[in-house]
Protein backbone atom coordinates (compact mmCIF):
# COMPACT_ATOMS: atom_id res chain seq x y z
CA MET A 1 -16.08 -17.19 13.85
CA SER A 2 -17.13 -18.27 17.30
CA SER A 3 -15.29 -17.23 20.52
CA SER A 4 -14.79 -20.94 21.40
CA PHE A 5 -12.82 -21.34 18.13
CA ILE A 6 -10.50 -18.48 19.08
CA ASP A 7 -10.31 -19.81 22.73
CA ASN A 8 -9.16 -23.11 21.36
CA ALA A 9 -6.65 -21.44 19.03
CA LEU A 10 -5.14 -19.48 21.90
CA THR A 11 -4.71 -22.49 24.10
CA CYS A 12 -3.21 -25.01 21.64
CA LYS A 13 0.39 -25.41 20.60
CA PRO A 14 2.21 -23.35 19.50
CA LEU A 15 -0.26 -20.55 20.24
CA GLN A 16 -0.10 -21.29 23.93
CA LEU A 17 3.10 -19.36 24.02
CA VAL A 18 0.91 -16.31 24.28
CA ARG A 19 0.15 -17.24 27.89
CA LYS A 20 3.88 -16.91 28.77
CA GLN A 21 3.69 -13.18 28.23
CA ALA A 22 3.51 -11.28 31.49
CA HIS A 23 0.59 -9.00 30.73
CA LEU A 24 -1.42 -11.37 28.51
CA GLY A 25 -3.16 -12.79 31.48
CA ASP A 26 -4.96 -9.48 32.10
CA ASP A 27 -8.58 -9.25 31.55
CA ASN A 28 -7.97 -6.16 29.57
CA SER A 29 -5.50 -7.86 27.12
CA ARG A 30 -6.45 -7.37 23.50
CA TYR A 31 -5.37 -11.04 22.87
CA THR A 32 -8.00 -12.68 24.95
CA PRO A 33 -10.92 -14.28 23.00
CA VAL A 34 -13.42 -11.67 24.23
CA ALA A 35 -11.19 -8.74 23.34
CA ILE A 36 -10.51 -10.08 19.82
CA LEU A 37 -14.21 -10.29 19.02
CA SER A 38 -15.69 -7.41 21.02
CA SER A 39 -13.76 -4.39 19.62
CA ASP A 40 -16.77 -2.33 18.74
CA SER A 41 -18.21 -4.96 16.41
CA GLU A 42 -19.78 -7.79 18.35
CA ARG A 43 -21.74 -10.02 16.21
CA GLY A 44 -25.11 -8.97 17.67
CA THR A 45 -24.44 -5.26 17.63
CA SER A 46 -25.88 -3.28 14.71
CA SER A 47 -24.05 -0.30 13.13
CA SER A 48 -26.50 2.15 14.65
CA GLU A 49 -26.18 0.66 18.14
CA GLN A 50 -22.43 0.92 17.81
CA GLN A 51 -22.52 4.64 17.05
CA GLN A 52 -24.83 5.26 20.01
CA GLN A 53 -22.23 3.82 22.39
CA SER A 54 -20.20 6.35 24.33
CA THR A 55 -17.24 7.44 22.33
CA THR A 56 -15.16 8.12 25.50
CA ALA A 57 -15.57 4.48 26.54
CA ARG A 58 -14.01 3.15 23.29
CA GLU A 59 -10.30 2.59 23.03
CA ALA A 60 -10.14 1.65 19.27
CA PRO A 61 -11.60 3.13 16.16
CA LEU A 62 -15.14 2.01 15.23
CA ARG A 63 -15.24 -0.82 12.74
CA HIS A 64 -16.23 1.07 9.53
CA MET A 65 -14.62 -0.60 6.55
CA ASN A 66 -16.46 -3.02 4.21
CA LEU A 67 -14.92 -5.34 1.64
CA PHE A 68 -14.82 -2.69 -1.10
CA ASP A 69 -12.99 -0.26 1.30
CA LEU A 70 -10.37 -2.93 2.14
CA VAL A 71 -9.79 -3.89 -1.47
CA ALA A 72 -9.56 -0.19 -2.53
CA TYR A 73 -7.03 0.29 0.28
CA GLY A 74 -4.95 -2.68 -0.82
CA VAL A 75 -4.99 -1.92 -4.49
CA GLY A 76 -4.27 1.70 -3.87
CA GLY A 77 -1.29 0.87 -1.69
CA THR A 78 0.19 -1.71 -4.04
CA ILE A 79 -0.37 -0.69 -7.74
CA GLY A 80 1.81 2.22 -8.60
CA SER A 81 5.49 1.99 -9.54
CA GLY A 82 4.82 -1.53 -10.77
CA VAL A 83 2.90 -0.28 -13.79
CA PHE A 84 4.43 3.18 -14.24
CA VAL A 85 8.12 2.22 -13.82
CA LEU A 86 8.81 -1.44 -13.30
CA THR A 87 7.04 -2.64 -16.54
CA GLY A 88 9.41 -0.56 -18.64
CA LEU A 89 12.51 -1.51 -16.56
CA ALA A 90 11.72 -5.26 -16.70
CA ALA A 91 10.99 -5.29 -20.43
CA ASN A 92 14.04 -3.19 -21.42
CA GLN A 93 16.71 -4.65 -19.21
CA TYR A 94 15.56 -8.13 -17.95
CA ALA A 95 13.09 -10.15 -20.02
CA GLY A 96 11.61 -8.27 -23.04
CA PRO A 97 7.99 -9.40 -23.83
CA SER A 98 8.37 -12.27 -21.44
CA SER A 99 8.39 -9.81 -18.55
CA SER A 100 4.70 -10.71 -18.33
CA ILE A 101 5.87 -14.16 -17.18
CA SER A 102 8.19 -12.48 -14.67
CA PHE A 103 5.17 -10.67 -13.19
CA LEU A 104 3.27 -14.00 -13.10
CA LEU A 105 6.16 -15.76 -11.38
CA SER A 106 6.66 -12.94 -8.74
CA GLY A 107 2.93 -12.90 -8.15
CA PHE A 108 2.86 -16.57 -7.50
CA VAL A 109 5.69 -16.32 -5.02
CA VAL A 110 3.87 -13.39 -3.25
CA ALA A 111 0.58 -15.42 -3.19
CA LEU A 112 2.41 -18.07 -1.20
CA SER A 113 2.95 -15.40 1.50
CA GLY A 114 -0.48 -13.96 0.94
CA LEU A 115 -2.25 -17.21 1.89
CA PRO A 116 -0.70 -17.22 5.45
CA TYR A 117 -1.74 -13.64 5.85
CA ALA A 118 -5.30 -14.42 4.82
CA GLU A 119 -5.47 -17.36 7.24
CA LEU A 120 -3.97 -15.56 10.17
CA SER A 121 -6.06 -12.41 9.63
CA ALA A 122 -9.21 -14.63 9.94
CA ALA A 123 -7.93 -16.31 13.06
CA PHE A 124 -6.87 -13.07 14.76
CA PRO A 125 -8.93 -10.08 13.39
CA MET A 126 -6.96 -7.24 15.05
CA ASP A 127 -4.65 -4.37 14.27
CA GLY A 128 -0.99 -5.08 13.92
CA SER A 129 -0.74 -7.79 11.20
CA THR A 130 2.58 -9.66 11.50
CA TYR A 131 3.39 -7.89 14.75
CA ALA A 132 0.15 -9.28 16.39
CA TYR A 133 0.62 -12.76 14.93
CA ALA A 134 4.24 -12.97 16.09
CA TYR A 135 3.18 -11.71 19.50
CA ILE A 136 0.56 -14.41 19.83
CA THR A 137 2.58 -17.34 18.46
CA LEU A 138 6.27 -16.56 19.11
CA GLY A 139 6.39 -14.01 21.85
CA GLU A 140 7.34 -10.31 22.45
CA VAL A 141 10.83 -10.40 21.09
CA PHE A 142 9.84 -11.74 17.69
CA ALA A 143 6.89 -9.33 17.74
CA VAL A 144 9.29 -6.37 18.20
CA VAL A 145 11.40 -7.68 15.31
CA ALA A 146 8.36 -7.94 13.11
CA SER A 147 7.37 -4.35 14.05
CA LEU A 148 10.71 -3.04 12.93
CA CYS A 149 10.33 -4.85 9.59
CA GLN A 150 6.87 -3.48 9.24
CA THR A 151 8.11 0.07 9.99
CA LEU A 152 10.56 -0.45 7.11
CA GLU A 153 7.78 -1.58 4.77
CA TYR A 154 5.23 1.05 5.75
CA GLY A 155 6.88 4.14 7.23
CA ILE A 156 10.21 4.11 5.42
CA ALA A 157 8.51 3.08 2.18
CA ALA A 158 6.17 6.01 2.48
CA ALA A 159 9.15 8.32 2.70
CA ALA A 160 10.79 6.61 -0.25
CA VAL A 161 7.67 6.89 -2.44
CA ALA A 162 7.35 10.50 -1.44
CA ARG A 163 10.83 11.24 -2.54
CA SER A 164 10.20 9.40 -5.81
CA TRP A 165 6.98 11.40 -6.35
CA GLY A 166 8.94 14.66 -5.56
CA SER A 167 11.60 13.83 -8.22
CA LYS A 168 8.85 13.06 -10.78
CA PHE A 169 6.96 16.24 -10.02
CA VAL A 170 10.15 18.28 -10.60
CA ASP A 171 10.87 16.48 -13.87
CA TRP A 172 7.28 17.13 -15.10
CA VAL A 173 7.54 20.82 -14.18
CA ASN A 174 10.94 21.19 -15.93
CA GLU A 175 9.53 19.61 -19.08
CA GLY A 176 7.30 22.59 -19.44
CA GLY A 177 10.30 24.93 -19.68
CA ASN A 178 10.66 28.53 -18.61
CA VAL A 179 10.74 27.71 -14.87
CA PRO A 180 11.60 30.87 -12.84
CA THR A 181 15.04 30.70 -11.14
CA GLY A 182 13.58 31.09 -7.67
CA LEU A 183 11.12 28.27 -8.13
CA GLN A 184 13.76 26.02 -9.71
CA LYS A 185 16.08 26.51 -6.66
CA PHE A 186 13.20 25.70 -4.34
CA LEU A 187 12.20 22.55 -6.27
CA ASP A 188 15.78 21.34 -6.64
CA PRO A 189 18.10 22.89 -4.07
CA GLY A 190 20.65 20.05 -4.48
CA HIS A 191 22.52 18.14 -1.74
CA HIS A 192 19.95 15.32 -2.06
CA ILE A 193 17.27 17.58 -0.55
CA ASN A 194 13.72 16.92 -1.92
CA PRO A 195 11.26 19.57 -0.78
CA MET A 196 8.43 18.27 -2.90
CA GLY A 197 8.80 14.85 -1.23
CA GLY A 198 8.29 16.49 2.16
CA ILE A 199 5.30 18.42 0.87
CA ILE A 200 3.38 15.43 -0.43
CA ALA A 201 4.10 13.51 2.82
CA LEU A 202 2.75 16.55 4.70
CA LEU A 203 -0.41 16.68 2.56
CA CYS A 204 -1.10 12.96 3.11
CA THR A 205 -0.67 13.45 6.87
CA LEU A 206 -3.14 16.40 6.82
CA ILE A 207 -5.70 14.16 5.00
CA LEU A 208 -5.34 11.51 7.69
CA LEU A 209 -5.76 14.19 10.35
CA LEU A 210 -9.03 15.40 8.79
CA GLY A 211 -10.61 12.15 9.84
CA VAL A 212 -10.97 8.46 9.07
CA SER A 213 -14.08 8.90 6.92
CA GLU A 214 -12.34 11.61 4.84
CA SER A 215 -9.18 9.52 4.28
CA LYS A 216 -11.22 6.45 3.37
CA MET A 217 -13.20 8.38 0.84
CA MET A 218 -10.00 9.82 -0.68
CA THR A 219 -8.51 6.33 -0.88
CA ASN A 220 -11.56 4.86 -2.64
CA VAL A 221 -11.82 7.65 -5.16
CA VAL A 222 -8.08 7.73 -6.05
CA SER A 223 -7.89 3.91 -6.19
CA THR A 224 -10.75 3.85 -8.61
CA THR A 225 -9.18 6.62 -10.70
CA LYS A 226 -5.91 4.78 -10.72
CA LEU A 227 -7.57 1.57 -11.95
CA LEU A 228 -9.44 3.50 -14.65
CA LEU A 229 -6.20 5.18 -15.90
CA ILE A 230 -4.33 1.80 -16.03
CA SER A 231 -7.28 0.22 -17.89
CA PHE A 232 -7.18 3.08 -20.43
CA MET A 233 -3.49 2.52 -20.93
CA ILE A 234 -4.04 -1.24 -21.46
CA VAL A 235 -7.06 -0.88 -23.75
CA ALA A 236 -5.57 1.92 -25.79
CA GLY A 237 -2.31 0.02 -26.21
CA PHE A 238 -4.00 -3.10 -27.35
CA LEU A 239 -6.21 -1.28 -29.86
CA MET A 240 -3.14 0.53 -31.17
CA SER A 241 -1.21 -2.70 -31.54
CA SER A 242 -4.07 -4.35 -33.37
CA ASN A 243 -3.86 -1.73 -36.10
CA PHE A 244 -7.21 -0.28 -35.07
CA PHE A 245 -5.47 3.14 -35.35
CA PRO A 246 -3.27 3.82 -38.37
CA ASP A 247 0.17 5.49 -38.50
CA THR A 248 1.52 3.94 -35.33
CA ILE A 249 4.50 1.63 -34.79
CA ALA A 250 2.62 -0.50 -32.21
CA SER A 251 2.16 -4.07 -33.33
CA PHE A 252 1.80 -7.53 -31.83
CA SER A 253 4.81 -8.41 -34.01
CA ASN A 254 6.90 -6.76 -31.33
CA TRP A 255 6.33 -9.81 -29.16
CA ASN A 256 8.64 -11.79 -31.52
CA PRO A 257 10.79 -13.10 -30.00
CA PHE A 258 8.75 -13.44 -26.94
CA VAL A 259 11.79 -14.60 -24.89
CA PRO A 260 14.71 -12.56 -26.28
CA PRO A 261 17.93 -14.75 -26.66
CA GLU A 262 20.07 -12.27 -24.82
CA PHE A 263 17.85 -12.62 -21.74
CA GLY A 264 16.56 -16.21 -21.93
CA ALA A 265 14.97 -18.03 -18.99
CA GLU A 266 17.53 -16.53 -16.60
CA GLY A 267 16.26 -13.04 -17.50
CA ILE A 268 12.67 -14.03 -16.60
CA VAL A 269 13.80 -15.16 -13.16
CA ASP A 270 16.01 -12.02 -12.71
CA GLY A 271 13.03 -9.85 -13.72
CA ALA A 272 10.79 -11.60 -11.25
CA SER A 273 13.20 -10.78 -8.50
CA ILE A 274 12.83 -6.98 -8.99
CA LEU A 275 9.09 -7.22 -9.61
CA PHE A 276 8.51 -8.66 -6.17
CA PHE A 277 8.56 -5.02 -5.02
CA ALA A 278 5.54 -4.26 -7.13
CA TYR A 279 3.28 -6.39 -4.88
CA LEU A 280 4.54 -5.03 -1.56
CA GLY A 281 1.70 -3.53 0.56
CA PHE A 282 -0.99 -6.16 0.41
CA ASP A 283 -0.17 -7.22 3.99
CA ALA A 284 -1.16 -3.69 5.17
CA ILE A 285 -4.69 -4.75 4.73
CA CYS A 286 -4.31 -7.02 7.78
CA ASN A 287 -3.00 -4.02 9.73
CA LEU A 288 -6.54 -2.57 9.38
CA ALA A 289 -8.40 -5.66 10.50
CA GLY A 290 -9.40 -3.97 13.62
CA GLU A 291 -11.41 -1.45 11.66
CA ALA A 292 -13.10 -3.98 9.36
CA LYS A 293 -16.90 -4.51 9.89
CA ASP A 294 -16.55 -8.24 9.31
CA PRO A 295 -12.77 -9.00 9.49
CA VAL A 296 -13.17 -12.74 9.60
CA ARG A 297 -14.95 -12.77 6.30
CA ASP A 298 -13.71 -9.58 4.51
CA VAL A 299 -9.98 -9.31 5.35
CA PRO A 300 -8.86 -12.64 3.83
CA LYS A 301 -10.97 -11.94 0.72
CA ALA A 302 -9.50 -8.49 0.41
CA VAL A 303 -5.93 -9.87 0.58
CA MET A 304 -6.62 -12.39 -2.16
CA TYR A 305 -8.64 -9.99 -4.30
CA THR A 306 -5.86 -7.40 -4.09
CA LEU A 307 -3.20 -9.87 -5.22
CA LEU A 308 -5.41 -11.10 -8.09
CA ILE A 309 -6.19 -7.60 -9.37
CA ASP A 310 -2.53 -6.62 -9.09
CA GLY A 311 -1.29 -9.70 -10.88
CA VAL A 312 -3.88 -9.27 -13.80
CA MET A 313 -3.05 -5.60 -14.17
CA TYR A 314 0.66 -6.07 -14.14
CA MET A 315 0.61 -8.88 -16.75
CA LEU A 316 -1.77 -6.97 -18.97
CA ALA A 317 0.32 -3.85 -18.68
CA ALA A 318 3.59 -5.80 -19.47
CA LEU A 319 1.98 -7.33 -22.65
CA THR A 320 0.57 -4.00 -23.73
CA LEU A 321 3.79 -2.06 -23.33
CA THR A 322 5.92 -4.59 -25.18
CA ALA A 323 3.38 -4.58 -28.03
CA MET A 324 3.39 -0.79 -28.29
CA LEU A 325 7.22 -0.62 -28.85
CA PRO A 326 10.12 -3.06 -29.45
CA TYR A 327 11.52 -3.92 -26.04
CA THR A 328 14.87 -2.36 -26.92
CA GLU A 329 13.18 1.07 -27.40
CA ILE A 330 11.12 1.02 -24.20
CA SER A 331 12.06 3.59 -21.52
CA PRO A 332 13.15 1.91 -18.32
CA VAL A 333 12.07 4.99 -16.42
CA SER A 334 8.86 6.23 -18.10
CA GLY A 335 7.57 3.26 -20.14
CA PHE A 336 3.94 4.08 -21.03
CA PRO A 337 4.21 7.92 -21.51
CA ARG A 338 7.23 7.43 -23.75
CA ALA A 339 5.46 4.64 -25.71
CA PHE A 340 2.39 6.76 -26.28
CA GLY A 341 4.63 9.64 -27.44
CA MET A 342 6.58 7.61 -29.91
CA ASN A 343 3.27 6.40 -31.38
CA GLY A 344 2.22 9.94 -31.94
CA TRP A 345 -0.37 10.06 -29.22
CA ILE A 346 0.94 13.11 -27.47
CA TRP A 347 -2.22 13.77 -25.49
CA ALA A 348 -2.10 10.25 -24.03
CA GLU A 349 1.55 10.78 -23.21
CA LYS A 350 0.69 13.83 -21.11
CA LEU A 351 -2.36 12.14 -19.65
CA THR A 352 -0.43 9.11 -18.35
CA ALA A 353 2.39 11.35 -17.05
CA ILE A 354 -0.03 13.68 -15.21
CA GLY A 355 -2.02 10.70 -13.98
CA GLU A 356 1.01 9.10 -12.51
CA VAL A 357 1.77 12.31 -10.54
CA ILE A 358 -1.87 12.38 -9.34
CA VAL A 359 -2.36 8.90 -8.25
CA LEU A 360 1.10 7.90 -6.91
CA PRO A 361 0.66 9.85 -3.66
CA LEU A 362 -1.99 7.38 -2.59
CA VAL A 363 0.70 4.89 -1.82
CA VAL A 364 2.16 7.46 0.65
CA LEU A 365 -1.22 7.90 2.36
CA THR A 366 -1.94 4.24 2.75
CA SER A 367 1.58 3.51 4.05
CA ILE A 368 1.27 6.22 6.64
CA GLN A 369 -2.10 4.88 7.76
CA ALA A 370 -0.67 1.35 8.10
CA GLN A 371 2.20 2.70 10.13
CA THR A 372 -0.16 4.48 12.61
CA ARG A 373 -2.22 1.30 13.10
CA LEU A 374 0.93 -0.66 13.78
CA LEU A 375 2.04 1.90 16.45
CA PHE A 376 -1.61 1.86 17.86
CA ALA A 377 -1.30 -1.96 18.32
CA MET A 378 2.12 -1.64 20.02
CA SER A 379 0.75 1.04 22.32
CA LYS A 380 -2.14 -1.12 23.42
CA ASP A 381 0.41 -3.86 24.29
CA ARG A 382 2.32 -1.36 26.41
CA ILE A 383 5.43 -1.42 24.25
CA LEU A 384 5.05 2.16 23.14
CA PRO A 385 3.76 5.21 24.99
CA LYS A 386 0.00 5.68 25.35
CA LEU A 387 -0.09 8.71 23.04
CA PHE A 388 0.11 6.31 20.05
CA GLY A 389 -3.10 4.64 21.16
CA LYS A 390 -5.05 7.60 22.26
CA LEU A 391 -8.33 8.04 20.33
CA THR A 392 -9.82 11.52 19.65
CA PHE A 393 -13.28 12.48 18.60
CA ALA A 394 -13.69 15.82 16.90
CA LYS A 395 -16.88 17.63 15.86
CA LYS A 396 -17.08 18.35 12.19
CA ARG A 397 -16.97 21.91 11.03
CA LYS A 398 -19.96 23.80 9.97
CA CYS A 399 -20.78 23.45 6.30
CA CYS A 400 -23.40 25.50 4.39
CA GLY A 401 -24.62 26.97 7.72
CA LYS A 402 -25.27 23.51 9.24
CA GLU A 403 -23.55 21.99 12.21
CA GLY A 404 -21.40 19.06 11.28
CA LYS A 405 -22.00 15.68 12.82
CA GLU A 406 -19.75 14.40 15.56
CA ASP A 407 -16.99 12.01 14.68
CA THR A 408 -18.21 8.57 15.98
CA ILE A 409 -15.35 6.56 14.46
CA GLY A 410 -12.35 8.24 16.21
CA ASN A 411 -8.91 9.17 14.91
CA LEU A 412 -5.44 8.54 16.20
CA THR A 413 -4.55 12.19 15.92
CA GLN A 414 -1.30 12.31 17.98
CA ASN A 415 -0.16 9.12 16.46
CA VAL A 416 -0.66 10.53 12.95
CA GLN A 417 1.06 13.71 13.93
CA VAL A 418 4.20 12.01 15.24
CA CYS A 419 4.44 9.76 12.17
CA GLY A 420 3.85 12.71 9.78
CA VAL A 421 6.57 14.74 11.32
CA VAL A 422 9.16 11.90 11.07
CA LEU A 423 8.17 10.94 7.56
CA VAL A 424 8.33 14.57 6.27
CA ILE A 425 11.90 14.82 7.54
CA LEU A 426 12.87 11.49 6.01
CA ALA A 427 11.26 12.42 2.64
CA ILE A 428 13.14 15.70 2.50
CA PHE A 429 16.62 14.68 3.60
CA VAL A 430 17.25 10.91 3.20
CA PRO A 431 18.26 9.74 -0.38
CA PHE A 432 15.91 7.21 -2.02
CA GLN A 433 18.67 4.57 -2.68
CA TYR A 434 19.19 4.06 1.08
CA LEU A 435 15.54 3.79 1.74
CA ASP A 436 14.89 1.36 -1.05
CA SER A 437 17.43 -1.12 0.23
CA LEU A 438 16.02 -0.94 3.73
CA VAL A 439 12.46 -1.55 2.48
CA SER A 440 13.43 -4.61 0.49
CA ALA A 441 15.38 -6.13 3.35
CA GLY A 442 12.61 -5.55 5.80
CA ALA A 443 9.94 -6.99 3.57
CA LEU A 444 11.87 -10.27 2.96
CA LEU A 445 12.42 -10.74 6.64
CA LEU A 446 8.81 -9.89 7.42
CA PHE A 447 7.34 -12.43 5.03
CA SER A 448 9.74 -15.04 6.19
CA LEU A 449 8.60 -14.46 9.77
CA THR A 450 4.96 -14.63 8.83
CA ASP A 451 5.35 -17.81 6.74
CA TRP A 452 7.25 -19.42 9.49
C-alpha cells in the first residue's frame, strides 16, 4: 500500500474527521501517513537492517510476526470453550445434531463483522484495532468508548477464562480423589475465591514478561497442539461412529432426527445466539497489526483464515459429538470427555480432559497480550500515562555458558506488569457470571461500532 493511498484515505470524508483532533496535526502523530507506514518496517528496509537500528530510538516493538504467527495467535485466542464446552451445551439444550447449523449461522454473522476488520486493518496497519479506527473516523470520544469495550473483550475476558480454567483444574484434581485437606482448602476456599484462576493469570503474565519472542513461540506451539488435539477428537469420533471400532454406542444414526422436533428452527437460531461467543477474539489480530511484518497483506488474511478455521473446526466438532452420543445424553459441561468415556475409551476421556486443561490458558495469554497493545496505542495518543507505551530492551540470560543475544524487538514490560496485577486480582475475586455478561455486552457494542 502506497503512502499516497493512505494520504488520500486520511483526507477524504468521513476520515477527514481525524484532522479535527487537537494533537493529530503533530508531525509525531502515529496517524499521519508517514507514521503509519514507517513503524520499524518501511518497505525498503530489510529485517537485518531493522535490527541494526538503535533500539533506544524506537518507540514501538519491532515488526516480527508473519502470517503463520498471526493465524496461530488468532486461532489460539478463539478456539477453546467453543469446542470443549459450547458444542455439548448447544447439542443438549438448544439444537441437537443441528447445532452444526447453529455454528454455521453464528460464523456467518461473525464473518460480516470480520470483513470490516480485514478492510480497516489493511487501510490502517497499526496497534489499537477498533480504538484506532474509531479515532481516525469518528473522533476521540468514540475511540474511548471503543477502548472500554475492547477492555471488556480482552482484559475482562482473560480474567473470566482464567477463573473458568481454575474451576476446571479443581474439578480435575478432585476426580482423582484422596486430595489432602490443606490442599483442598487452598484450591477451593469458598466465598467465590478462585486461587488457581489467579495463578494461571500470573503464569501467563510471566510468560509475556519473558519477552515477545518467547510468548510468540509459546503461542505457536500451544495453538498447534490445540488443533492437533481437536483434530484427534474429530477423527476418532467419526471413526467410532462409522463402526470402525466395535463395542461402542457411537453411530451416525444418532443424527436422526437431525432437527429434533422439540427444538425446531427456533432452537437453531437460539443456539447460534450463544455460539457467537465461540468466535470472539478474532479482532485481537488487528490489535497486533503494529507488530506484523507485512500488515497490509497478512493481517486481513489472518482474520479471514482464523474465522474459516474456527468455523470448520466447530462444525466438524458438533457433527462428531452428536454422532458419538444421542443429543439427550451429551454432557452440557464436558461434552467430548464424557462422550469418549461412555463409549468405553477411558484413555481418550482422560486425554481430552487433560488436553483442555493444558491448552485453555492460551486464551488468557493472548487476551492479556491484546490488552497491553490496546493500552500501548492509547498511551501513544496521550490518553493514558507514558508508562503504558514505554519500551524496554533486556539482554537475554546466559545459557550453556554463552551470552544471550540482546532483545531487539522490545517489550512493554511496565504495561504487562500493570495489566497482570489487575487481571490476577479479578481472576481470584470476581465471579465468572458477572464477567461473562460484561464481555458479551462489550463485544456486541464493539462490533456495532466497527461495522458502523
